[in-house]
């Protein structure tokens, strides 16, 4: 499993934007499609809200990629 650490500037990052910023998709729109497909989980639970607020300390998983969101 690949693990990525993402530092969020501010209080949160929207889920679809996070997928774009770490390079798992080309755009926020593509990120929305991935989230809608049901393949993304946040803290071990399936997440279908495309613009869910992801805060430091949360872990996002897509396939064999795990993203840990950390504060600045």
PDB file of N, CA and C in Angstrom:
ATOM      1  N   UNK A   1       0.850  -1.185   0.000  1.00  0.00           N
ATOM      2  CA  UNK A   1       0.000   0.000   0.000  1.00  0.00           C
ATOM      3  C   UNK A   1       0.893   1.244   0.000  1.00  0.00           C
ATOM      4  N   UNK A   2       0.538   2.191  -0.844  1.00  0.00           N
ATOM      5  CA  UNK A   2       1.253   3.463  -0.901  1.00  0.00           C
ATOM      6  C   UNK A   2       0.639   4.417   0.112  1.00  0.00           C
ATOM      7  N   UNK A   3       1.486   5.081   0.914  1.00  0.00           N
ATOM      8  CA  UNK A   3       0.996   6.054   1.886  1.00  0.00           C
ATOM      9  C   UNK A   3       1.507   7.439   1.516  1.00  0.00           C
ATOM     10  N   UNK A   4       0.583   8.405   1.499  1.00  0.00           N
ATOM     11  CA  UNK A   4       0.902   9.788   1.164  1.00  0.00           C
ATOM     12  C   UNK A   4       0.515  10.654   2.357  1.00  0.00           C
ATOM     13  N   UNK A   5       1.392  11.594   2.705  1.00  0.00           N
ATOM     14  CA  UNK A   5       1.069  12.554   3.744  1.00  0.00           C
ATOM     15  C   UNK A   5       0.767  13.879   3.042  1.00  0.00           C
ATOM     16  N   UNK A   6      -0.392  14.470   3.348  1.00  0.00           N
ATOM     17  CA  UNK A   6      -0.797  15.730   2.725  1.00  0.00           C
ATOM     18  C   UNK A   6      -0.968  16.787   3.808  1.00  0.00           C
ATOM     19  N   UNK A   7      -0.260  17.890   3.671  1.00  0.00           N
ATOM     20  CA  UNK A   7      -0.368  18.992   4.623  1.00  0.00           C
ATOM     21  C   UNK A   7      -1.418  19.982   4.136  1.00  0.00           C
ATOM     22  N   UNK A   8      -2.450  20.173   4.952  1.00  0.00           N
ATOM     23  CA  UNK A   8      -3.538  21.068   4.575  1.00  0.00           C
ATOM     24  C   UNK A   8      -3.250  22.472   5.114  1.00  0.00           C
ATOM     25  N   UNK A   9      -3.389  23.456   4.233  1.00  0.00           N
ATOM     26  CA  UNK A   9      -3.216  24.852   4.627  1.00  0.00           C
ATOM     27  C   UNK A   9      -4.601  25.397   4.972  1.00  0.00           C
ATOM     28  N   UNK A  10      -4.887  25.521   6.227  1.00  0.00           N
ATOM     29  CA  UNK A  10      -6.209  25.975   6.650  1.00  0.00           C
ATOM     30  C   UNK A  10      -6.900  24.908   7.465  1.00  0.00           C
ATOM     31  N   UNK A  11      -8.221  25.063   7.599  1.00  0.00           N
ATOM     32  CA  UNK A  11      -9.002  24.180   8.458  1.00  0.00           C
ATOM     33  C   UNK A  11      -9.307  22.834   7.812  1.00  0.00           C
ATOM     34  N   UNK A  12      -9.553  22.818   6.493  1.00  0.00           N
ATOM     35  CA  UNK A  12      -9.940  21.581   5.809  1.00  0.00           C
ATOM     36  C   UNK A  12      -9.633  21.689   4.324  1.00  0.00           C
ATOM     37  N   UNK A  13      -9.756  20.544   3.633  1.00  0.00           N
ATOM     38  CA  UNK A  13      -9.677  20.489   2.175  1.00  0.00           C
ATOM     39  C   UNK A  13     -10.857  19.630   1.708  1.00  0.00           C
ATOM     40  N   UNK A  14     -11.488  20.026   0.618  1.00  0.00           N
ATOM     41  CA  UNK A  14     -12.608  19.242   0.101  1.00  0.00           C
ATOM     42  C   UNK A  14     -12.064  17.950  -0.497  1.00  0.00           C
ATOM     43  N   UNK A  15     -12.819  16.863  -0.329  1.00  0.00           N
ATOM     44  CA  UNK A  15     -12.374  15.538  -0.738  1.00  0.00           C
ATOM     45  C   UNK A  15     -11.982  15.470  -2.209  1.00  0.00           C
ATOM     46  N   UNK A  16     -12.828  15.998  -3.097  1.00  0.00           N
ATOM     47  CA  UNK A  16     -12.500  15.934  -4.530  1.00  0.00           C
ATOM     48  C   UNK A  16     -11.228  16.711  -4.848  1.00  0.00           C
ATOM     49  N   UNK A  17     -11.005  17.826  -4.153  1.00  0.00           N
ATOM     50  CA  UNK A  17      -9.794  18.617  -4.362  1.00  0.00           C
ATOM     51  C   UNK A  17      -8.561  17.899  -3.813  1.00  0.00           C
ATOM     52  N   UNK A  18      -8.723  17.191  -2.704  1.00  0.00           N
ATOM     53  CA  UNK A  18      -7.616  16.425  -2.131  1.00  0.00           C
ATOM     54  C   UNK A  18      -7.112  15.382  -3.122  1.00  0.00           C
ATOM     55  N   UNK A  19      -8.043  14.679  -3.759  1.00  0.00           N
ATOM     56  CA  UNK A  19      -7.650  13.660  -4.734  1.00  0.00           C
ATOM     57  C   UNK A  19      -6.869  14.286  -5.886  1.00  0.00           C
ATOM     58  N   UNK A  20      -7.268  15.489  -6.296  1.00  0.00           N
ATOM     59  CA  UNK A  20      -6.548  16.196  -7.357  1.00  0.00           C
ATOM     60  C   UNK A  20      -5.173  16.644  -6.870  1.00  0.00           C
ATOM     61  N   UNK A  21      -5.106  17.209  -5.683  1.00  0.00           N
ATOM     62  CA  UNK A  21      -3.860  17.782  -5.171  1.00  0.00           C
ATOM     63  C   UNK A  21      -2.773  16.738  -4.922  1.00  0.00           C
ATOM     64  N   UNK A  22      -3.166  15.505  -4.599  1.00  0.00           N
ATOM     65  CA  UNK A  22      -2.159  14.452  -4.383  1.00  0.00           C
ATOM     66  C   UNK A  22      -1.845  13.695  -5.667  1.00  0.00           C
ATOM     67  N   UNK A  23      -2.524  14.062  -6.777  1.00  0.00           N
ATOM     68  CA  UNK A  23      -2.204  13.470  -8.068  1.00  0.00           C
ATOM     69  C   UNK A  23      -2.946  12.190  -8.417  1.00  0.00           C
ATOM     70  N   UNK A  24      -4.039  11.902  -7.715  1.00  0.00           N
ATOM     71  CA  UNK A  24      -4.804  10.690  -8.025  1.00  0.00           C
ATOM     72  C   UNK A  24      -5.808  10.895  -9.155  1.00  0.00           C
ATOM     73  N   UNK A  25      -6.026  12.159  -9.543  1.00  0.00           N
ATOM     74  CA  UNK A  25      -6.873  12.465 -10.692  1.00  0.00           C
ATOM     75  C   UNK A  25      -6.417  13.804 -11.270  1.00  0.00           C
ATOM     76  N   UNK A  26      -6.902  14.121 -12.464  1.00  0.00           N
ATOM     77  CA  UNK A  26      -6.433  15.319 -13.168  1.00  0.00           C
ATOM     78  C   UNK A  26      -7.161  16.610 -12.794  1.00  0.00           C
ATOM     79  N   UNK A  27      -8.386  16.489 -12.258  1.00  0.00           N
ATOM     80  CA  UNK A  27      -9.160  17.690 -11.954  1.00  0.00           C
ATOM     81  C   UNK A  27     -10.123  17.426 -10.807  1.00  0.00           C
ATOM     82  N   UNK A  28     -10.683  18.505 -10.266  1.00  0.00           N
ATOM     83  CA  UNK A  28     -11.686  18.367  -9.217  1.00  0.00           C
ATOM     84  C   UNK A  28     -12.918  17.640  -9.719  1.00  0.00           C
ATOM     85  N   UNK A  29     -13.259  17.867 -10.998  1.00  0.00           N
ATOM     86  CA  UNK A  29     -14.411  17.170 -11.595  1.00  0.00           C
ATOM     87  C   UNK A  29     -14.185  15.675 -11.665  1.00  0.00           C
ATOM     88  N   UNK A  30     -12.965  15.287 -12.043  1.00  0.00           N
ATOM     89  CA  UNK A  30     -12.627  13.855 -12.077  1.00  0.00           C
ATOM     90  C   UNK A  30     -12.660  13.280 -10.661  1.00  0.00           C
ATOM     91  N   UNK A  31     -12.250  14.100  -9.682  1.00  0.00           N
ATOM     92  CA  UNK A  31     -12.315  13.674  -8.285  1.00  0.00           C
ATOM     93  C   UNK A  31     -13.734  13.409  -7.840  1.00  0.00           C
ATOM     94  N   UNK A  32     -14.664  14.248  -8.293  1.00  0.00           N
ATOM     95  CA  UNK A  32     -16.080  14.048  -7.957  1.00  0.00           C
ATOM     96  C   UNK A  32     -16.593  12.728  -8.510  1.00  0.00           C
ATOM     97  N   UNK A  33     -16.180  12.377  -9.722  1.00  0.00           N
ATOM     98  CA  UNK A  33     -16.606  11.117 -10.346  1.00  0.00           C
ATOM     99  C   UNK A  33     -16.071   9.925  -9.544  1.00  0.00           C
ATOM    100  N   UNK A  34     -14.816  10.020  -9.112  1.00  0.00           N
ATOM    101  CA  UNK A  34     -14.215   8.937  -8.323  1.00  0.00           C
ATOM    102  C   UNK A  34     -14.960   8.753  -7.007  1.00  0.00           C
ATOM    103  N   UNK A  35     -15.257   9.871  -6.329  1.00  0.00           N
ATOM    104  CA  UNK A  35     -15.984   9.792  -5.058  1.00  0.00           C
ATOM    105  C   UNK A  35     -17.374   9.204  -5.281  1.00  0.00           C
ATOM    106  N   UNK A  36     -18.062   9.640  -6.335  1.00  0.00           N
ATOM    107  CA  UNK A  36     -19.418   9.155  -6.626  1.00  0.00           C
ATOM    108  C   UNK A  36     -19.429   7.656  -6.926  1.00  0.00           C
ATOM    109  N   UNK A  37     -18.310   7.121  -7.400  1.00  0.00           N
ATOM    110  CA  UNK A  37     -18.246   5.694  -7.732  1.00  0.00           C
ATOM    111  C   UNK A  37     -18.260   4.813  -6.487  1.00  0.00           C
ATOM    112  N   UNK A  38     -18.007   5.414  -5.316  1.00  0.00           N
ATOM    113  CA  UNK A  38     -18.036   4.649  -4.074  1.00  0.00           C
ATOM    114  C   UNK A  38     -16.710   4.006  -3.713  1.00  0.00           C
ATOM    115  N   UNK A  39     -15.646   4.365  -4.412  1.00  0.00           N
ATOM    116  CA  UNK A  39     -14.344   3.745  -4.184  1.00  0.00           C
ATOM    117  C   UNK A  39     -13.506   4.429  -3.114  1.00  0.00           C
ATOM    118  N   UNK A  40     -14.008   5.536  -2.544  1.00  0.00           N
ATOM    119  CA  UNK A  40     -13.224   6.303  -1.577  1.00  0.00           C
ATOM    120  C   UNK A  40     -13.771   6.078  -0.169  1.00  0.00           C
ATOM    121  N   UNK A  41     -12.853   5.891   0.783  1.00  0.00           N
ATOM    122  CA  UNK A  41     -13.273   5.794   2.176  1.00  0.00           C
ATOM    123  C   UNK A  41     -12.511   6.820   3.003  1.00  0.00           C
ATOM    124  N   UNK A  42     -13.180   7.316   4.040  1.00  0.00           N
ATOM    125  CA  UNK A  42     -12.580   8.266   4.977  1.00  0.00           C
ATOM    126  C   UNK A  42     -12.688   7.648   6.362  1.00  0.00           C
ATOM    127  N   UNK A  43     -11.545   7.475   7.007  1.00  0.00           N
ATOM    128  CA  UNK A  43     -11.488   6.844   8.330  1.00  0.00           C
ATOM    129  C   UNK A  43     -12.196   5.489   8.337  1.00  0.00           C
ATOM    130  N   UNK A  44     -12.033   4.732   7.251  1.00  0.00           N
ATOM    131  CA  UNK A  44     -12.566   3.376   7.178  1.00  0.00           C
ATOM    132  C   UNK A  44     -14.016   3.262   6.752  1.00  0.00           C
ATOM    133  N   UNK A  45     -14.691   4.380   6.483  1.00  0.00           N
ATOM    134  CA  UNK A  45     -16.105   4.345   6.070  1.00  0.00           C
ATOM    135  C   UNK A  45     -16.242   4.915   4.669  1.00  0.00           C
ATOM    136  N   UNK A  46     -17.066   4.265   3.851  1.00  0.00           N
ATOM    137  CA  UNK A  46     -17.292   4.754   2.484  1.00  0.00           C
ATOM    138  C   UNK A  46     -17.806   6.183   2.528  1.00  0.00           C
ATOM    139  N   UNK A  47     -17.243   7.032   1.662  1.00  0.00           N
ATOM    140  CA  UNK A  47     -17.650   8.443   1.601  1.00  0.00           C
ATOM    141  C   UNK A  47     -18.170   8.760   0.210  1.00  0.00           C
ATOM    142  N   UNK A  48     -19.421   9.225   0.131  1.00  0.00           N
ATOM    143  CA  UNK A  48     -20.041   9.554  -1.150  1.00  0.00           C
ATOM    144  C   UNK A  48     -20.241  11.056  -1.335  1.00  0.00           C
ATOM    145  N   UNK A  49     -19.954  11.844  -0.305  1.00  0.00           N
ATOM    146  CA  UNK A  49     -20.086  13.301  -0.422  1.00  0.00           C
ATOM    147  C   UNK A  49     -18.842  13.833  -1.132  1.00  0.00           C
ATOM    148  N   UNK A  50     -19.052  14.354  -2.325  1.00  0.00           N
ATOM    149  CA  UNK A  50     -17.932  14.772  -3.174  1.00  0.00           C
ATOM    150  C   UNK A  50     -17.096  15.884  -2.559  1.00  0.00           C
ATOM    151  N   UNK A  51     -17.736  16.792  -1.846  1.00  0.00           N
ATOM    152  CA  UNK A  51     -17.005  17.926  -1.265  1.00  0.00           C
ATOM    153  C   UNK A  51     -16.942  17.813   0.262  1.00  0.00           C
ATOM    154  N   UNK A  52     -16.880  16.593   0.775  1.00  0.00           N
ATOM    155  CA  UNK A  52     -16.765  16.385   2.224  1.00  0.00           C
ATOM    156  C   UNK A  52     -15.526  17.115   2.729  1.00  0.00           C
ATOM    157  N   UNK A  53     -15.643  17.729   3.889  1.00  0.00           N
ATOM    158  CA  UNK A  53     -14.523  18.475   4.473  1.00  0.00           C
ATOM    159  C   UNK A  53     -13.587  17.492   5.174  1.00  0.00           C
ATOM    160  N   UNK A  54     -12.365  17.407   4.656  1.00  0.00           N
ATOM    161  CA  UNK A  54     -11.370  16.516   5.227  1.00  0.00           C
ATOM    162  C   UNK A  54     -10.425  17.364   6.076  1.00  0.00           C
ATOM    163  N   UNK A  55     -10.349  17.012   7.352  1.00  0.00           N
ATOM    164  CA  UNK A  55      -9.575  17.798   8.313  1.00  0.00           C
ATOM    165  C   UNK A  55      -8.312  17.045   8.737  1.00  0.00           C
ATOM    166  N   UNK A  56      -7.334  17.771   9.293  1.00  0.00           N
ATOM    167  CA  UNK A  56      -6.120  17.107   9.770  1.00  0.00           C
ATOM    168  C   UNK A  56      -6.444  15.959  10.726  1.00  0.00           C
ATOM    169  N   UNK A  57      -5.723  14.862  10.576  1.00  0.00           N
ATOM    170  CA  UNK A  57      -5.936  13.682  11.406  1.00  0.00           C
ATOM    171  C   UNK A  57      -6.778  12.620  10.719  1.00  0.00           C
ATOM    172  N   UNK A  58      -7.463  12.984   9.637  1.00  0.00           N
ATOM    173  CA  UNK A  58      -8.294  12.011   8.929  1.00  0.00           C
ATOM    174  C   UNK A  58      -7.463  11.266   7.893  1.00  0.00           C
ATOM    175  N   UNK A  59      -7.880  10.034   7.606  1.00  0.00           N
ATOM    176  CA  UNK A  59      -7.192   9.201   6.630  1.00  0.00           C
ATOM    177  C   UNK A  59      -8.160   8.853   5.497  1.00  0.00           C
ATOM    178  N   UNK A  60      -7.734   9.140   4.281  1.00  0.00           N
ATOM    179  CA  UNK A  60      -8.536   8.878   3.084  1.00  0.00           C
ATOM    180  C   UNK A  60      -7.895   7.715   2.340  1.00  0.00           C
ATOM    181  N   UNK A  61      -8.723   6.804   1.840  1.00  0.00           N
ATOM    182  CA  UNK A  61      -8.190   5.654   1.112  1.00  0.00           C
ATOM    183  C   UNK A  61      -8.900   5.516  -0.236  1.00  0.00           C
ATOM    184  N   UNK A  62      -8.097   5.283  -1.269  1.00  0.00           N
ATOM    185  CA  UNK A  62      -8.608   5.017  -2.612  1.00  0.00           C
ATOM    186  C   UNK A  62      -7.772   3.879  -3.174  1.00  0.00           C
ATOM    187  N   UNK A  63      -8.388   2.726  -3.332  1.00  0.00           N
ATOM    188  CA  UNK A  63      -7.653   1.559  -3.815  1.00  0.00           C
ATOM    189  C   UNK A  63      -6.532   1.211  -2.851  1.00  0.00           C
ATOM    190  N   UNK A  64      -5.303   1.123  -3.370  1.00  0.00           N
ATOM    191  CA  UNK A  64      -4.168   0.785  -2.506  1.00  0.00           C
ATOM    192  C   UNK A  64      -3.377   2.022  -2.074  1.00  0.00           C
ATOM    193  N   UNK A  65      -4.019   3.199  -2.172  1.00  0.00           N
ATOM    194  CA  UNK A  65      -3.373   4.456  -1.764  1.00  0.00           C
ATOM    195  C   UNK A  65      -4.072   4.994  -0.517  1.00  0.00           C
ATOM    196  N   UNK A  66      -3.263   5.302   0.489  1.00  0.00           N
ATOM    197  CA  UNK A  66      -3.772   5.861   1.734  1.00  0.00           C
ATOM    198  C   UNK A  66      -3.194   7.260   1.902  1.00  0.00           C
ATOM    199  N   UNK A  67      -4.063   8.244   2.191  1.00  0.00           N
ATOM    200  CA  UNK A  67      -3.629   9.636   2.356  1.00  0.00           C
ATOM    201  C   UNK A  67      -3.905  10.067   3.794  1.00  0.00           C
ATOM    202  N   UNK A  68      -2.861  10.455   4.505  1.00  0.00           N
ATOM    203  CA  UNK A  68      -3.017  10.979   5.852  1.00  0.00           C
ATOM    204  C   UNK A  68      -2.936  12.497   5.765  1.00  0.00           C
ATOM    205  N   UNK A  69      -3.990  13.157   6.246  1.00  0.00           N
ATOM    206  CA  UNK A  69      -4.048  14.625   6.204  1.00  0.00           C
ATOM    207  C   UNK A  69      -3.499  15.167   7.525  1.00  0.00           C
ATOM    208  N   UNK A  70      -2.491  16.055   7.402  1.00  0.00           N
ATOM    209  CA  UNK A  70      -1.857  16.622   8.586  1.00  0.00           C
ATOM    210  C   UNK A  70      -1.972  18.149   8.553  1.00  0.00           C
ATOM    211  N   UNK A  71      -1.891  18.758   9.737  1.00  0.00           N
ATOM    212  CA  UNK A  71      -1.971  20.225   9.845  1.00  0.00           C
ATOM    213  C   UNK A  71      -0.625  20.839   9.465  1.00  0.00           C
ATOM    214  N   UNK A  72      -0.666  22.094   9.090  1.00  0.00           N
ATOM    215  CA  UNK A  72       0.543  22.854   8.743  1.00  0.00           C
ATOM    216  C   UNK A  72       1.464  22.988   9.935  1.00  0.00           C
TER     217      UNK A  72
END
